[in-house]
Amino acid sequence: MSELYLRRTDGSGRVVITHHIVWDAPRFLENQQRYQREAKLKGEEPVRIELATQDEYRAFAWPKSTKEK
């Protein structure tokens, strides 16, 4: 098993970075990308899927500072 981080970018440029624990990282990535290609063929708006790093995920998912009231 391995950890995998994916950057998902929609047509408007909005980025979401997700974290996954997978058995076969290359196969998982290919399946995610294939799903998006098929969505495009069905007329749905596809999302671009790319590899991301753990640091990118942390910057996206965990705020660097919090303000207490």
Protein backbone atom coordinates (compact mmCIF):
# COMPACT_ATOMS: atom_id res chain seq x y z
CA MET A 1 0.00 0.00 0.00
CA SER A 2 1.10 3.53 -0.63
CA GLU A 3 -0.09 7.08 -0.13
CA LEU A 4 -1.06 9.06 -3.19
CA TYR A 5 -1.93 12.74 -3.51
CA LEU A 6 -3.98 13.96 -6.47
CA ARG A 7 -4.53 17.49 -7.73
CA ARG A 8 -7.99 17.81 -9.30
CA THR A 9 -8.49 20.94 -11.42
CA ASP A 10 -11.91 21.74 -12.85
CA GLY A 11 -12.66 23.79 -15.95
CA SER A 12 -12.82 27.05 -14.00
CA GLY A 13 -9.35 26.47 -12.53
CA ARG A 14 -10.52 25.49 -9.04
CA VAL A 15 -8.04 23.07 -7.47
CA VAL A 16 -8.73 20.39 -4.88
CA ILE A 17 -5.94 18.14 -3.59
CA THR A 18 -6.99 14.77 -2.24
CA HIS A 19 -5.21 12.06 -0.23
CA HIS A 20 -5.63 8.34 -0.95
CA ILE A 21 -4.18 5.10 0.38
CA VAL A 22 -3.96 2.70 -2.55
CA TRP A 23 -2.68 -0.75 -3.40
CA ASP A 24 -1.41 0.09 -6.88
CA ALA A 25 -0.65 3.81 -7.38
CA PRO A 26 -0.10 3.79 -11.18
CA ARG A 27 -3.29 1.79 -11.73
CA PHE A 28 -5.30 4.05 -9.42
CA LEU A 29 -4.05 7.18 -11.22
CA GLU A 30 -4.85 5.70 -14.64
CA ASN A 31 -8.36 4.73 -13.50
CA GLN A 32 -9.03 8.23 -12.19
CA GLN A 33 -7.84 9.79 -15.43
CA ARG A 34 -9.83 7.32 -17.54
CA TYR A 35 -12.98 8.13 -15.56
CA GLN A 36 -12.50 11.81 -16.45
CA ARG A 37 -11.93 11.05 -20.14
CA GLU A 38 -15.17 9.03 -20.16
CA ALA A 39 -17.00 11.87 -18.40
CA LYS A 40 -15.93 14.21 -21.20
CA LEU A 41 -17.29 11.79 -23.82
CA LYS A 42 -20.63 11.76 -21.94
CA GLY A 43 -20.79 15.55 -22.13
CA GLU A 44 -19.88 16.09 -18.48
CA GLU A 45 -17.23 18.61 -17.50
CA PRO A 46 -14.02 16.67 -16.90
CA VAL A 47 -11.58 17.36 -14.09
CA ARG A 48 -7.83 17.28 -14.82
CA ILE A 49 -6.12 14.72 -12.56
CA GLU A 50 -2.41 15.08 -11.75
CA LEU A 51 -0.07 13.85 -9.06
CA ALA A 52 0.56 16.20 -6.14
CA THR A 53 3.00 16.08 -3.25
CA GLN A 54 2.38 15.63 0.45
CA ASP A 55 3.55 19.21 1.02
CA GLU A 56 1.04 20.52 -1.53
CA TYR A 57 -1.71 18.52 0.17
CA ARG A 58 -0.78 19.87 3.60
CA ALA A 59 -0.74 23.46 2.31
CA PHE A 60 -4.18 22.89 0.78
CA ALA A 61 -5.80 20.92 3.61
CA TRP A 62 -4.31 22.47 6.74
CA PRO A 63 -4.53 26.23 7.29
CA LYS A 64 -1.21 27.79 8.18
CA SER A 65 -2.71 30.02 10.83
CA THR A 66 -5.90 30.19 12.76
CA LYS A 67 -7.37 33.19 14.52
CA GLU A 68 -8.94 32.63 17.90
CA LYS A 69 -11.77 34.84 18.99
